[in-house]
Each structure stands twice: as C-alpha cells, then as structure tokens.
Amino acid sequence: MTVEMTSFGSEQAKLYQISSPTGVEVAVTNFGARIVSFLVPDGASKRNIVVSYDSDEAYRQEDIYMGAMVGPVAGRLSGAEIEVAGKRHQLTANEKGNNLHGGPESLHAAYWDAEVLNETSVAFSTLLTDGQNGFPGPIEVRVIYQLEGNRLTYTVEGKSEQDTVFNPTNHVYFNLDGDITKPIDDHQLKIQAQQYAPLKEDNTPTGQLESVDNTVFDFRELSPISQGFNRDDLQHQIAQGYDHAWVLEGNAPQVEAKSGDGKVRLTLDTDLPAVVIYTYGWPVAEGRSIVPHGAFTLETQILPDALKNPHFGDITLKAGQTFTSRTSFEVFYE
C-alpha cells in the first residue's frame, strides 16, 4: 500500500493516490475533499468506475459537486430557512428558493487541510465559519478516506461550537462500465428498502414515506436501474429518473450495483439510515462529456429535509457534541 501526492491544477489543489496490493487505486483531492478516481483491474488495463476530471478548475467548469463532500446539510432545505434552539436562521437560497448542499462555496468548494495518516488513509479537515450561508457554527469537519483491499471507506466527523444542523454526504457519481458517454440503462441495482420518499415539484420531499410495492422504486431484487427512466408519471418528470431517498433496512450490504457488462459489482455498507440515488437525468450542456443518465450517486445520509419532517430523523448537532458516520464501497470484478 502506498499514498502518492501530486499537484491537481491550481497551487492550492493536491491529489492523493492510494494504491492497494489488489490492483485497486483510489485518488482523492483536498479540493472539496472529493473522490477523483476509483480504478479497478479490467484485464490488462484498469477501469475508472467514477466520474473524474483532471483538475480543480475542471470540476468548477463541469460540475463542482461531483465526487465532493457536500454540506453541512446535503440535499435541499426547503424555504432556505431553519430553526435551531428556538432561533430562526435564513440560509442562502441557491436553487428554487431552497438551500442546496449547504449553499455556494461550502464544503464542496473549500481547499481542505490534508494529512496522510498512513499507507492506506488520508484525512481532510476544514472549518465552516459561523453564519456561513446562514448556518450556525463554527463547524469543524473532518473526513478520512481509507482503502483496504477492494474496500473504500469514508468516515465523517463534525463538531460545532453552537447548536446547528449537520447531515453531509459524499456526492461521487458511479458508472461501473467506465464510460460516461453511454447511459447506465443496463446497470442492475438492488436496495434493501421497503420505503422511499416521493418528491414535490421543487425536488423537496412531500413528507410522506411510501411503499415500494408495485412501483419502479422496488429494487429489493436485482433490477435494471432504467426501470424508472422514460416514464410519464410525476415523480419521473420531477427527477427525469431518480433523485429520491430510500429508507435502508437489513444487514450489509444495503445496496448492490452491477455494471452493464456484468464485469463489475459494487456494494454499499453504511451506518446511516437512508441513501439518495440521483441518476443524472437532465440534459447536459453542449460540449460536456457525460450524457444524461451517464452516472448515478449513492448519497448516504439522514432523510433529506428532516427539519421540516421530524419523523425523517434528527439532524441537530448540539454544541460540543461530535457527529460521526461511516460509509464503505467495496468493488468486485472479473
């Protein structure tokens, strides 16, 4: 096992490549504490199973959320307003009147401090200042990436000086065929979930949890991910596929995905209660390499917009307390 550091565009950006004896390699950067590449052996070559760009500026130009840690709260906070400890806080509204992924220039756009912990692990840390995009703080955030064999684990820690809210995730996009110029229609997906959270037209949850029975949200058995594409129902029109949360159940792995060619299988194991899967369904700008439905996310978290829907879970982080979570991706290949 080794960790190698190289430059990654601007002077501030650094890339850290962790190599496993199995042949799996993962690269992460201090820009947004993001996953840049996830290489698996593929015959005499290697296949990159995540969407990658070659510099910090390229991510800014293409999609600044790709691969990054997002937060302090992932997803959408409806109305861009929160109430914490009896006090209302107006947040930066950066999508349809809502706060998305913590607002602009948040975790995903920061240049984090980096530390190589050992030959398998890299840690990134940053500080969200008090009032940044309206959130109480300051909030100290630390993310540790560890590659052991074929398993990549990221651990998140958060601590605030004031009562605040905290529900981050990693926004890595997968294409297990390794080709983002082709859609993921032939990928197979399995999710241990009996319920999902339907959306309103502004992409925030309705507040209901509905059964997956007899719906395109039923992935309790391995099924084509495209079963929810190209439909006329409201949920498809909102997301052009999926941008929904599933309530996870059962033992690990809670999620399994297979490549269209059947050569790569990915499993997800997490201590968080939900996963948001976004299938990148909207048209993309001319000149971009990725196509609609060219990748999918596995965003582990507490259910989105939980402050407005208390039965979704508690995302409050009390002053002085420490939030921790763990998510692992393990890859199997022929």
Protein backbone atom coordinates (compact mmCIF):
# COMPACT_ATOMS: atom_id res chain seq x y z
CA MET A 1 0.00 0.00 0.00
CA THR A 2 1.23 3.48 -0.84
CA VAL A 3 0.00 7.08 -0.90
CA GLU A 4 1.42 9.44 -3.54
CA MET A 5 0.76 13.19 -3.65
CA THR A 6 0.79 15.27 -6.84
CA SER A 7 -0.49 18.69 -7.91
CA PHE A 8 -4.07 18.96 -9.12
CA GLY A 9 -4.42 22.18 -11.06
CA SER A 10 -4.15 25.36 -9.03
CA GLU A 11 -1.45 25.87 -6.43
CA GLN A 12 -3.81 25.00 -3.58
CA ALA A 13 -5.10 21.73 -5.06
CA LYS A 14 -3.39 18.44 -4.26
CA LEU A 15 -4.17 14.89 -5.35
CA TYR A 16 -3.56 11.84 -3.17
CA GLN A 17 -3.49 8.41 -4.79
CA ILE A 18 -3.89 5.35 -2.56
CA SER A 19 -2.87 2.03 -4.13
CA SER A 20 -3.88 -1.42 -2.88
CA PRO A 21 -1.98 -4.69 -3.49
CA THR A 22 -5.18 -5.97 -5.15
CA GLY A 23 -4.67 -3.52 -8.00
CA VAL A 24 -7.44 -1.15 -6.90
CA GLU A 25 -6.43 2.52 -6.80
CA VAL A 26 -8.33 5.48 -5.39
CA ALA A 27 -7.45 9.15 -5.82
CA VAL A 28 -8.83 11.89 -3.56
CA THR A 29 -8.19 15.63 -3.50
CA ASN A 30 -8.23 18.33 -0.87
CA PHE A 31 -10.43 20.38 -3.22
CA GLY A 32 -13.84 19.59 -1.79
CA ALA A 33 -12.41 16.51 -0.04
CA ARG A 34 -13.61 14.67 -3.11
CA ILE A 35 -13.17 11.25 -4.67
CA VAL A 36 -11.49 11.81 -8.04
CA SER A 37 -10.98 8.28 -9.34
CA PHE A 38 -11.69 4.66 -8.37
CA LEU A 39 -9.70 2.33 -10.60
CA VAL A 40 -10.31 -1.42 -10.72
CA PRO A 41 -8.42 -4.07 -12.71
CA ASP A 42 -10.02 -4.79 -16.09
CA GLY A 43 -7.97 -7.35 -17.97
CA ALA A 44 -4.61 -5.83 -18.83
CA SER A 45 -5.83 -2.31 -18.05
CA LYS A 46 -7.87 -0.54 -15.37
CA ARG A 47 -11.42 0.78 -15.37
CA ASN A 48 -12.36 4.04 -13.65
CA ILE A 49 -15.82 3.50 -12.14
CA VAL A 50 -16.46 7.10 -11.06
CA VAL A 51 -16.85 10.36 -12.98
CA SER A 52 -13.49 12.16 -12.97
CA TYR A 53 -11.89 15.39 -14.10
CA ASP A 54 -8.22 16.24 -14.15
CA SER A 55 -8.02 19.46 -12.08
CA ASP A 56 -9.86 21.61 -9.59
CA GLU A 57 -10.72 24.08 -12.36
CA ALA A 58 -12.18 21.30 -14.49
CA TYR A 59 -14.58 20.42 -11.66
CA ARG A 60 -15.57 24.08 -11.35
CA GLN A 61 -16.34 24.16 -15.07
CA GLU A 62 -18.05 20.77 -15.38
CA ASP A 63 -19.88 20.08 -12.09
CA ILE A 64 -18.47 21.30 -8.81
CA TYR A 65 -20.46 18.77 -6.75
CA MET A 66 -19.08 15.67 -8.48
CA GLY A 67 -17.19 13.47 -6.04
CA ALA A 68 -17.20 16.14 -3.33
CA MET A 69 -18.29 16.24 0.27
CA VAL A 70 -21.44 18.37 0.41
CA GLY A 71 -22.96 20.06 3.42
CA PRO A 72 -23.23 20.98 6.21
CA VAL A 73 -26.59 19.59 5.10
CA ALA A 74 -26.83 17.56 1.90
CA GLY A 75 -29.79 17.94 -0.40
CA ARG A 76 -32.42 20.65 -0.09
CA LEU A 77 -33.57 22.56 2.96
CA SER A 78 -36.99 23.83 1.92
CA GLY A 79 -37.53 27.56 2.07
CA ALA A 80 -33.84 28.12 2.84
CA GLU A 81 -34.74 28.61 6.49
CA ILE A 82 -34.03 26.58 9.61
CA GLU A 83 -34.91 26.82 13.28
CA VAL A 84 -32.29 25.68 15.78
CA ALA A 85 -32.67 26.00 19.56
CA GLY A 86 -35.68 28.24 19.07
CA LYS A 87 -33.89 30.67 16.76
CA ARG A 88 -34.61 31.10 13.05
CA HIS A 89 -31.76 31.31 10.58
CA GLN A 90 -32.17 32.47 6.99
CA LEU A 91 -29.94 30.45 4.66
CA THR A 92 -28.56 31.22 1.23
CA ALA A 93 -31.14 30.13 -1.33
CA ASN A 94 -29.29 28.67 -4.30
CA GLU A 95 -31.96 26.53 -6.01
CA LYS A 96 -35.67 27.27 -6.46
CA GLY A 97 -35.84 29.19 -3.17
CA ASN A 98 -34.25 26.32 -1.24
CA ASN A 99 -30.78 25.78 0.18
CA LEU A 100 -28.99 23.07 -1.81
CA HIS A 101 -25.95 21.17 -0.44
CA GLY A 102 -25.18 23.87 2.13
CA GLY A 103 -25.12 26.74 -0.35
CA PRO A 104 -22.42 28.15 -2.64
CA GLU A 105 -18.72 27.95 -1.75
CA SER A 106 -19.33 25.46 1.05
CA LEU A 107 -17.62 22.10 1.75
CA HIS A 108 -17.57 21.14 -1.93
CA ALA A 109 -15.60 24.26 -2.92
CA ALA A 110 -13.18 24.50 0.01
CA TYR A 111 -9.50 23.63 -0.10
CA TRP A 112 -9.26 21.36 2.94
CA ASP A 113 -6.19 20.76 5.08
CA ALA A 114 -4.76 17.33 4.29
CA GLU A 115 -2.85 14.75 6.31
CA VAL A 116 -1.55 11.38 5.17
CA LEU A 117 -2.32 9.19 8.19
CA ASN A 118 -0.63 6.01 6.96
CA GLU A 119 -0.17 3.99 3.77
CA THR A 120 -3.93 3.34 3.48
CA SER A 121 -5.54 6.56 4.73
CA VAL A 122 -5.78 10.29 4.05
CA ALA A 123 -7.62 12.79 6.26
CA PHE A 124 -9.07 16.14 5.22
CA SER A 125 -10.29 18.83 7.62
CA THR A 126 -11.92 22.24 7.23
CA LEU A 127 -13.91 24.83 9.15
CA LEU A 128 -17.32 26.22 8.25
CA THR A 129 -17.43 29.66 9.84
CA ASP A 130 -20.32 30.86 11.99
CA GLY A 131 -23.02 32.23 9.70
CA GLN A 132 -21.54 30.78 6.50
CA ASN A 133 -24.53 30.58 4.16
CA GLY A 134 -26.62 31.25 7.29
CA PHE A 135 -25.70 28.14 9.29
CA PRO A 136 -24.79 28.48 12.98
CA GLY A 137 -21.24 27.47 13.80
CA PRO A 138 -18.34 27.39 13.51
CA ILE A 139 -18.41 23.71 12.50
CA GLU A 140 -15.23 21.65 12.36
CA VAL A 141 -15.46 18.92 9.69
CA ARG A 142 -13.08 16.01 9.18
CA VAL A 143 -13.24 13.26 6.55
CA ILE A 144 -10.98 10.21 6.47
CA TYR A 145 -10.65 8.08 3.33
CA GLN A 146 -9.23 4.58 3.78
CA LEU A 147 -8.58 1.95 1.11
CA GLU A 148 -8.23 -1.61 2.39
CA GLY A 149 -8.10 -4.28 -0.30
CA ASN A 150 -11.04 -3.51 -2.58
CA ARG A 151 -12.98 -1.51 0.03
CA LEU A 152 -13.01 2.29 0.17
CA THR A 153 -14.39 3.68 3.43
CA TYR A 154 -15.02 7.31 4.25
CA THR A 155 -15.65 8.43 7.82
CA VAL A 156 -17.13 11.84 8.59
CA GLU A 157 -16.79 13.78 11.84
CA GLY A 158 -18.45 17.10 12.69
CA LYS A 159 -18.31 19.30 15.79
CA SER A 160 -19.87 22.74 16.36
CA GLU A 161 -19.45 25.48 18.93
CA GLN A 162 -23.20 26.24 18.72
CA ASP A 163 -26.27 24.11 18.24
CA THR A 164 -26.60 23.67 14.49
CA VAL A 165 -27.66 21.18 11.82
CA PHE A 166 -25.38 18.63 10.16
CA ASN A 167 -26.19 15.97 7.59
CA PRO A 168 -23.39 15.81 4.98
CA THR A 169 -22.71 13.22 2.31
CA ASN A 170 -20.31 12.40 -0.50
CA HIS A 171 -21.55 13.21 -4.00
CA VAL A 172 -19.47 10.73 -6.02
CA TYR A 173 -21.00 9.58 -9.31
CA PHE A 174 -20.59 5.99 -10.46
CA ASN A 175 -20.59 4.47 -13.92
CA LEU A 176 -19.48 0.87 -13.46
CA ASP A 177 -18.92 0.40 -17.20
CA GLY A 178 -16.30 3.13 -17.00
CA ASP A 179 -17.77 5.09 -19.92
CA ILE A 180 -19.78 8.23 -19.13
CA THR A 181 -20.51 8.82 -22.82
CA LYS A 182 -23.01 5.96 -22.59
CA PRO A 183 -26.04 5.81 -20.29
CA ILE A 184 -26.26 3.43 -17.34
CA ASP A 185 -29.52 1.87 -18.57
CA ASP A 186 -28.11 -1.68 -18.42
CA HIS A 187 -26.79 -1.35 -14.87
CA GLN A 188 -28.55 -3.51 -12.28
CA LEU A 189 -29.45 -2.25 -8.81
CA LYS A 190 -30.55 -3.86 -5.54
CA ILE A 191 -31.61 -1.84 -2.47
CA GLN A 192 -32.68 -3.24 0.89
CA ALA A 193 -35.57 -0.82 1.30
CA GLN A 194 -39.32 -1.14 1.76
CA GLN A 195 -40.00 2.62 1.58
CA TYR A 196 -38.94 5.67 -0.40
CA ALA A 197 -39.59 9.41 -0.10
CA PRO A 198 -41.59 10.92 -3.00
CA LEU A 199 -40.82 14.46 -4.12
CA LYS A 200 -42.66 17.71 -4.68
CA GLU A 201 -42.07 19.66 -7.87
CA ASP A 202 -39.25 21.68 -6.28
CA ASN A 203 -37.38 18.42 -5.54
CA THR A 204 -38.02 18.58 -1.78
CA PRO A 205 -39.75 15.60 -0.12
CA THR A 206 -43.52 15.61 0.29
CA GLY A 207 -43.02 14.44 3.88
CA GLN A 208 -44.57 11.05 3.15
CA LEU A 209 -42.83 7.67 3.09
CA GLU A 210 -44.42 5.33 0.57
CA SER A 211 -44.13 1.61 -0.04
CA VAL A 212 -42.00 0.48 -2.96
CA ASP A 213 -44.51 -2.32 -3.67
CA ASN A 214 -45.61 -2.39 -7.32
CA THR A 215 -43.59 0.73 -8.18
CA VAL A 216 -40.43 1.50 -10.13
CA PHE A 217 -38.82 2.20 -6.74
CA ASP A 218 -38.81 -1.50 -5.87
CA PHE A 219 -35.22 -2.72 -6.08
CA ARG A 220 -35.47 -5.40 -3.41
CA GLU A 221 -34.35 -7.82 -6.10
CA LEU A 222 -31.65 -7.02 -8.62
CA SER A 223 -33.39 -4.98 -11.34
CA PRO A 224 -32.44 -2.66 -14.22
CA ILE A 225 -31.81 0.86 -12.93
CA SER A 226 -33.58 2.12 -16.07
CA GLN A 227 -36.95 0.78 -14.92
CA GLY A 228 -37.69 4.30 -13.69
CA PHE A 229 -36.46 6.12 -16.81
CA ASN A 230 -38.57 7.49 -19.67
CA ARG A 231 -41.88 7.49 -17.82
CA ASP A 232 -44.75 10.00 -17.80
CA ASP A 233 -45.61 9.96 -14.08
CA LEU A 234 -44.99 12.99 -11.85
CA GLN A 235 -42.05 11.50 -9.94
CA HIS A 236 -40.20 10.83 -13.19
CA GLN A 237 -40.97 14.29 -14.54
CA ILE A 238 -39.56 15.88 -11.38
CA ALA A 239 -36.27 13.98 -11.48
CA GLN A 240 -36.04 12.69 -15.07
CA GLY A 241 -35.37 9.32 -13.49
CA TYR A 242 -34.40 9.14 -9.84
CA ASP A 243 -33.35 11.77 -7.31
CA HIS A 244 -35.02 10.04 -4.39
CA ALA A 245 -34.24 8.74 -0.93
CA TRP A 246 -34.75 5.13 0.14
CA VAL A 247 -35.06 4.07 3.79
CA LEU A 248 -32.40 1.42 4.28
CA GLU A 249 -33.01 -1.82 6.15
CA GLY A 250 -31.27 -5.10 6.87
CA ASN A 251 -27.68 -6.20 7.13
CA ALA A 252 -24.80 -5.01 4.98
CA PRO A 253 -24.53 -4.56 2.13
CA GLN A 254 -27.64 -2.42 1.92
CA VAL A 255 -27.09 -1.58 -1.76
CA GLU A 256 -25.59 -3.56 -4.64
CA ALA A 257 -24.99 -2.39 -8.20
CA LYS A 258 -23.74 -4.29 -11.27
CA SER A 259 -22.22 -2.92 -14.44
CA GLY A 260 -23.98 -3.31 -17.76
CA ASP A 261 -21.31 -5.72 -18.99
CA GLY A 262 -21.54 -7.77 -15.78
CA LYS A 263 -17.84 -7.48 -15.02
CA VAL A 264 -18.03 -5.11 -12.03
CA ARG A 265 -20.15 -5.30 -8.87
CA LEU A 266 -20.22 -2.57 -6.23
CA THR A 267 -21.67 -2.88 -2.73
CA LEU A 268 -22.51 -0.20 -0.19
CA ASP A 269 -22.38 -0.57 3.60
CA THR A 270 -23.30 2.36 5.86
CA ASP A 271 -24.39 3.20 9.40
CA LEU A 272 -26.70 5.93 8.06
CA PRO A 273 -30.45 5.32 7.63
CA ALA A 274 -31.02 6.39 4.03
CA VAL A 275 -29.48 6.68 0.58
CA VAL A 276 -30.31 9.20 -2.13
CA ILE A 277 -29.79 7.92 -5.65
CA TYR A 278 -29.62 10.51 -8.40
CA THR A 279 -29.37 9.25 -11.98
CA TYR A 280 -28.30 12.48 -13.71
CA GLY A 281 -31.30 12.57 -16.00
CA TRP A 282 -31.42 16.18 -17.13
CA PRO A 283 -29.94 17.36 -20.45
CA VAL A 284 -26.31 18.46 -20.17
CA ALA A 285 -24.66 21.48 -21.72
CA GLU A 286 -23.15 21.16 -25.17
CA GLY A 287 -19.51 20.11 -25.07
CA ARG A 288 -19.70 18.16 -21.83
CA SER A 289 -18.51 14.57 -21.89
CA ILE A 290 -21.18 12.99 -19.68
CA VAL A 291 -24.57 12.10 -21.19
CA PRO A 292 -27.97 12.15 -19.47
CA HIS A 293 -28.25 9.05 -17.26
CA GLY A 294 -24.49 8.71 -17.61
CA ALA A 295 -23.91 8.04 -13.90
CA PHE A 296 -25.61 7.57 -10.53
CA THR A 297 -24.94 8.62 -6.95
CA LEU A 298 -25.13 6.72 -3.66
CA GLU A 299 -25.54 9.56 -1.17
CA THR A 300 -25.82 8.13 2.34
CA GLN A 301 -27.46 10.41 4.91
CA ILE A 302 -30.38 11.01 7.23
CA LEU A 303 -33.50 11.52 5.13
CA PRO A 304 -33.50 14.90 3.34
CA ASP A 305 -35.30 17.98 4.71
CA ALA A 306 -35.67 16.31 8.10
CA LEU A 307 -36.12 19.62 9.93
CA LYS A 308 -39.46 20.14 8.14
CA ASN A 309 -40.30 16.45 8.55
CA PRO A 310 -39.25 15.43 12.08
CA HIS A 311 -40.27 11.80 11.53
CA PHE A 312 -37.45 11.62 8.96
CA GLY A 313 -34.81 11.79 11.70
CA ASP A 314 -32.83 14.31 13.75
CA ILE A 315 -30.07 16.31 12.03
CA THR A 316 -29.44 18.61 15.00
CA LEU A 317 -25.84 18.75 16.16
CA LYS A 318 -25.61 20.03 19.72
CA ALA A 319 -22.80 22.33 20.74
CA GLY A 320 -19.73 20.35 21.75
CA GLN A 321 -21.10 17.01 20.59
CA THR A 322 -19.44 15.05 17.78
CA PHE A 323 -21.25 13.66 14.75
CA THR A 324 -19.74 10.56 13.17
CA SER A 325 -20.77 8.40 10.22
CA ARG A 326 -19.21 5.68 8.10
CA THR A 327 -19.86 4.55 4.52
CA SER A 328 -17.98 1.89 2.56
CA PHE A 329 -17.90 1.00 -1.12
CA GLU A 330 -16.49 -2.42 -1.98
CA VAL A 331 -15.81 -3.45 -5.55
CA PHE A 332 -15.72 -6.95 -7.07
CA TYR A 333 -14.55 -7.59 -10.61
CA GLU A 334 -13.86 -10.34 -13.10
